[in-house]
């Protein structure tokens, strides 16, 4: 079984036009719920608190130890929007 990260799944959805190129955490939650996106490692749904921290830890400038950072914050947006670089 191939394990695909949430970040890769999100990028694929953005590239296919399923998710807007500028996205919020709320948009990610809606996409996950609507499409029953699950964690490939566990086979379970993503928990809300994981999704809440997902974007901030995926931001290129973040201090998180996450190795795969391809998202940038779009300045001056409220709620905070993100995009792939």
N, C-alpha and C. Protein backbone atom coordinates (compact mmCIF):
# COMPACT_ATOMS: atom_id res chain seq x y z
N UNK A 1 0.84 -1.19 0.00
CA UNK A 1 0.00 0.00 0.00
C UNK A 1 0.88 1.25 0.00
N UNK A 2 0.57 2.17 -0.84
CA UNK A 2 1.32 3.43 -0.93
C UNK A 2 0.76 4.40 0.10
N UNK A 3 1.64 4.99 0.88
CA UNK A 3 1.23 5.97 1.88
C UNK A 3 1.47 7.37 1.31
N UNK A 4 0.40 8.15 1.23
CA UNK A 4 0.48 9.51 0.72
C UNK A 4 0.18 10.47 1.86
N UNK A 5 1.05 11.44 2.06
CA UNK A 5 0.88 12.39 3.16
C UNK A 5 -0.31 13.31 2.88
N UNK A 6 -0.83 13.91 3.93
CA UNK A 6 -1.92 14.86 3.79
C UNK A 6 -1.48 16.03 2.92
N UNK A 7 -0.26 16.48 3.06
CA UNK A 7 0.24 17.59 2.27
C UNK A 7 0.24 17.22 0.78
N UNK A 8 0.67 16.01 0.44
CA UNK A 8 0.64 15.57 -0.95
C UNK A 8 -0.79 15.46 -1.47
N UNK A 9 -1.69 14.94 -0.65
CA UNK A 9 -3.10 14.83 -1.06
C UNK A 9 -3.69 16.21 -1.31
N UNK A 10 -3.37 17.15 -0.42
CA UNK A 10 -3.88 18.51 -0.58
C UNK A 10 -3.33 19.15 -1.84
N UNK A 11 -2.04 18.98 -2.09
CA UNK A 11 -1.44 19.57 -3.29
C UNK A 11 -2.08 18.98 -4.55
N UNK A 12 -2.35 17.69 -4.54
CA UNK A 12 -3.02 17.06 -5.69
C UNK A 12 -4.41 17.65 -5.88
N UNK A 13 -5.13 17.86 -4.78
CA UNK A 13 -6.48 18.43 -4.86
C UNK A 13 -6.44 19.86 -5.38
N UNK A 14 -5.45 20.64 -4.98
CA UNK A 14 -5.28 22.00 -5.49
C UNK A 14 -4.97 21.96 -6.98
N UNK A 15 -4.05 21.10 -7.39
CA UNK A 15 -3.67 20.99 -8.80
C UNK A 15 -4.83 20.55 -9.69
N UNK A 16 -5.75 19.76 -9.13
CA UNK A 16 -6.92 19.29 -9.89
C UNK A 16 -8.08 20.27 -9.83
N UNK A 17 -7.95 21.36 -9.06
CA UNK A 17 -9.01 22.35 -8.94
C UNK A 17 -10.10 21.98 -7.96
N UNK A 18 -9.86 20.95 -7.16
CA UNK A 18 -10.84 20.52 -6.16
C UNK A 18 -10.83 21.47 -4.96
N UNK A 19 -9.63 21.92 -4.60
CA UNK A 19 -9.44 22.90 -3.52
C UNK A 19 -8.86 24.15 -4.17
N UNK A 20 -9.32 25.31 -3.73
CA UNK A 20 -8.84 26.58 -4.26
C UNK A 20 -7.33 26.72 -4.06
N UNK A 21 -6.67 27.44 -4.95
CA UNK A 21 -5.22 27.64 -4.82
C UNK A 21 -4.88 28.43 -3.56
N UNK A 22 -5.80 29.28 -3.11
CA UNK A 22 -5.67 29.96 -1.81
C UNK A 22 -6.65 29.25 -0.88
N UNK A 23 -6.13 28.65 0.18
CA UNK A 23 -6.99 27.85 1.05
C UNK A 23 -6.79 28.21 2.51
N UNK A 24 -7.83 27.95 3.29
CA UNK A 24 -7.81 28.17 4.73
C UNK A 24 -7.85 26.82 5.43
N UNK A 25 -7.63 26.85 6.72
CA UNK A 25 -7.77 25.62 7.50
C UNK A 25 -9.20 25.10 7.42
N UNK A 26 -10.17 26.01 7.43
CA UNK A 26 -11.58 25.61 7.33
C UNK A 26 -11.86 24.93 5.98
N UNK A 27 -11.25 25.43 4.92
CA UNK A 27 -11.44 24.82 3.59
C UNK A 27 -10.85 23.41 3.56
N UNK A 28 -9.72 23.23 4.23
CA UNK A 28 -9.10 21.90 4.29
C UNK A 28 -10.01 20.94 5.05
N UNK A 29 -10.55 21.39 6.17
CA UNK A 29 -11.46 20.54 6.96
C UNK A 29 -12.67 20.14 6.13
N UNK A 30 -13.23 21.09 5.39
CA UNK A 30 -14.40 20.81 4.56
C UNK A 30 -14.05 19.79 3.47
N UNK A 31 -12.91 19.96 2.82
CA UNK A 31 -12.46 19.02 1.79
C UNK A 31 -12.25 17.62 2.37
N UNK A 32 -11.61 17.55 3.54
CA UNK A 32 -11.38 16.26 4.20
C UNK A 32 -12.69 15.57 4.53
N UNK A 33 -13.63 16.33 5.12
CA UNK A 33 -14.93 15.75 5.49
C UNK A 33 -15.73 15.31 4.26
N UNK A 34 -15.81 16.18 3.27
CA UNK A 34 -16.61 15.91 2.07
C UNK A 34 -16.08 14.71 1.29
N UNK A 35 -14.76 14.55 1.27
CA UNK A 35 -14.15 13.50 0.47
C UNK A 35 -13.64 12.31 1.28
N UNK A 36 -13.97 12.32 2.57
CA UNK A 36 -13.58 11.23 3.46
C UNK A 36 -12.07 10.92 3.35
N UNK A 37 -11.27 11.97 3.40
CA UNK A 37 -9.81 11.82 3.33
C UNK A 37 -9.34 11.25 4.65
N UNK A 38 -8.61 10.16 4.60
CA UNK A 38 -8.13 9.51 5.82
C UNK A 38 -6.60 9.45 5.85
N UNK A 39 -6.08 9.26 7.03
CA UNK A 39 -4.66 9.09 7.24
C UNK A 39 -4.27 7.71 6.71
N UNK A 40 -3.40 7.68 5.70
CA UNK A 40 -3.02 6.40 5.09
C UNK A 40 -2.25 5.50 6.05
N UNK A 41 -1.56 6.09 7.00
CA UNK A 41 -0.78 5.28 7.95
C UNK A 41 -1.67 4.55 8.94
N UNK A 42 -2.74 5.23 9.39
CA UNK A 42 -3.60 4.65 10.42
C UNK A 42 -4.92 4.12 9.87
N UNK A 43 -5.32 4.60 8.69
CA UNK A 43 -6.63 4.21 8.14
C UNK A 43 -7.78 4.90 8.84
N UNK A 44 -7.46 5.91 9.65
CA UNK A 44 -8.49 6.61 10.41
C UNK A 44 -8.62 8.05 9.93
N UNK A 45 -9.70 8.69 10.36
CA UNK A 45 -9.92 10.10 10.05
C UNK A 45 -8.89 10.97 10.75
N UNK A 46 -8.58 12.09 10.13
CA UNK A 46 -7.69 13.07 10.77
C UNK A 46 -8.45 13.76 11.89
N UNK A 47 -7.81 13.95 13.01
CA UNK A 47 -8.43 14.64 14.15
C UNK A 47 -8.39 16.15 13.90
N UNK A 48 -9.39 16.84 14.43
CA UNK A 48 -9.52 18.29 14.23
C UNK A 48 -8.27 19.04 14.68
N UNK A 49 -7.70 18.64 15.83
CA UNK A 49 -6.53 19.36 16.33
C UNK A 49 -5.31 19.14 15.44
N UNK A 50 -5.24 18.01 14.75
CA UNK A 50 -4.15 17.76 13.80
C UNK A 50 -4.29 18.71 12.61
N UNK A 51 -5.51 18.83 12.11
CA UNK A 51 -5.75 19.70 10.96
C UNK A 51 -5.50 21.16 11.33
N UNK A 52 -5.87 21.56 12.56
CA UNK A 52 -5.65 22.93 13.00
C UNK A 52 -4.17 23.31 12.94
N UNK A 53 -3.30 22.39 13.30
CA UNK A 53 -1.87 22.67 13.28
C UNK A 53 -1.18 22.34 11.97
N UNK A 54 -1.90 21.68 11.08
CA UNK A 54 -1.32 21.20 9.83
C UNK A 54 -0.72 22.32 8.98
N UNK A 55 -1.50 23.37 8.72
CA UNK A 55 -1.00 24.44 7.85
C UNK A 55 0.17 25.17 8.48
N UNK A 56 0.04 25.52 9.74
CA UNK A 56 1.13 26.27 10.37
C UNK A 56 2.42 25.47 10.42
N UNK A 57 2.34 24.16 10.55
CA UNK A 57 3.57 23.36 10.58
C UNK A 57 4.09 23.06 9.18
N UNK A 58 3.26 23.28 8.16
CA UNK A 58 3.67 23.03 6.78
C UNK A 58 4.22 24.29 6.10
N UNK A 59 4.13 25.43 6.81
CA UNK A 59 4.61 26.69 6.25
C UNK A 59 6.12 26.68 6.21
N UNK A 60 6.65 27.11 5.10
CA UNK A 60 8.09 27.06 4.86
C UNK A 60 8.89 27.78 5.97
N UNK A 61 8.36 28.89 6.46
CA UNK A 61 9.07 29.68 7.47
C UNK A 61 8.87 29.17 8.89
N UNK A 62 8.11 28.11 9.08
CA UNK A 62 7.80 27.65 10.43
C UNK A 62 9.03 27.05 11.11
N UNK A 63 8.99 27.05 12.42
CA UNK A 63 10.09 26.48 13.20
C UNK A 63 9.84 25.02 13.55
N UNK A 64 8.76 24.45 13.01
CA UNK A 64 8.46 23.05 13.31
C UNK A 64 9.56 22.15 12.74
N UNK A 65 9.63 20.96 13.27
CA UNK A 65 10.65 20.01 12.81
C UNK A 65 10.18 19.21 11.60
N UNK A 66 9.00 19.52 11.11
CA UNK A 66 8.46 18.83 9.95
C UNK A 66 9.40 19.05 8.76
N UNK A 67 9.74 17.99 8.06
CA UNK A 67 10.69 18.09 6.97
C UNK A 67 10.06 18.57 5.66
N UNK A 68 8.78 18.36 5.49
CA UNK A 68 8.10 18.63 4.22
C UNK A 68 7.30 19.93 4.33
N UNK A 69 7.91 21.04 3.96
CA UNK A 69 7.27 22.35 4.07
C UNK A 69 7.21 22.98 2.68
N UNK A 70 6.00 23.07 2.13
CA UNK A 70 5.82 23.63 0.79
C UNK A 70 4.74 24.70 0.74
N UNK A 71 4.23 25.10 1.88
CA UNK A 71 3.13 26.04 1.94
C UNK A 71 3.66 27.40 2.42
N UNK A 72 3.09 28.46 1.87
CA UNK A 72 3.43 29.81 2.33
C UNK A 72 2.15 30.51 2.75
N UNK A 73 2.29 31.42 3.73
CA UNK A 73 1.16 32.22 4.17
C UNK A 73 0.95 33.35 3.17
N UNK A 74 -0.31 33.67 2.91
CA UNK A 74 -0.64 34.81 2.08
C UNK A 74 -0.86 35.98 3.03
N UNK A 75 -0.02 36.99 2.91
CA UNK A 75 -0.06 38.12 3.86
C UNK A 75 -1.32 38.94 3.68
N UNK A 76 -1.81 39.45 4.80
CA UNK A 76 -2.95 40.35 4.80
C UNK A 76 -4.30 39.68 4.59
N UNK A 77 -4.40 38.40 4.87
CA UNK A 77 -5.68 37.71 4.71
C UNK A 77 -6.26 37.37 6.07
N UNK A 78 -7.58 37.48 6.16
CA UNK A 78 -8.27 37.14 7.39
C UNK A 78 -9.60 36.52 7.02
N UNK A 79 -9.82 35.23 7.29
CA UNK A 79 -8.93 34.33 7.99
C UNK A 79 -7.66 34.04 7.17
N UNK A 80 -6.66 33.55 7.87
CA UNK A 80 -5.36 33.28 7.25
C UNK A 80 -5.52 32.32 6.08
N UNK A 81 -4.95 32.71 4.95
CA UNK A 81 -4.97 31.83 3.76
C UNK A 81 -3.55 31.37 3.47
N UNK A 82 -3.48 30.23 2.83
CA UNK A 82 -2.21 29.60 2.48
C UNK A 82 -2.23 29.23 1.02
N UNK A 83 -1.03 28.99 0.46
CA UNK A 83 -0.92 28.49 -0.90
C UNK A 83 0.38 27.71 -1.02
N UNK A 84 0.43 26.86 -2.04
CA UNK A 84 1.68 26.15 -2.33
C UNK A 84 2.60 27.09 -3.07
N UNK A 85 3.90 26.97 -2.82
CA UNK A 85 4.83 27.86 -3.54
C UNK A 85 5.16 27.32 -4.90
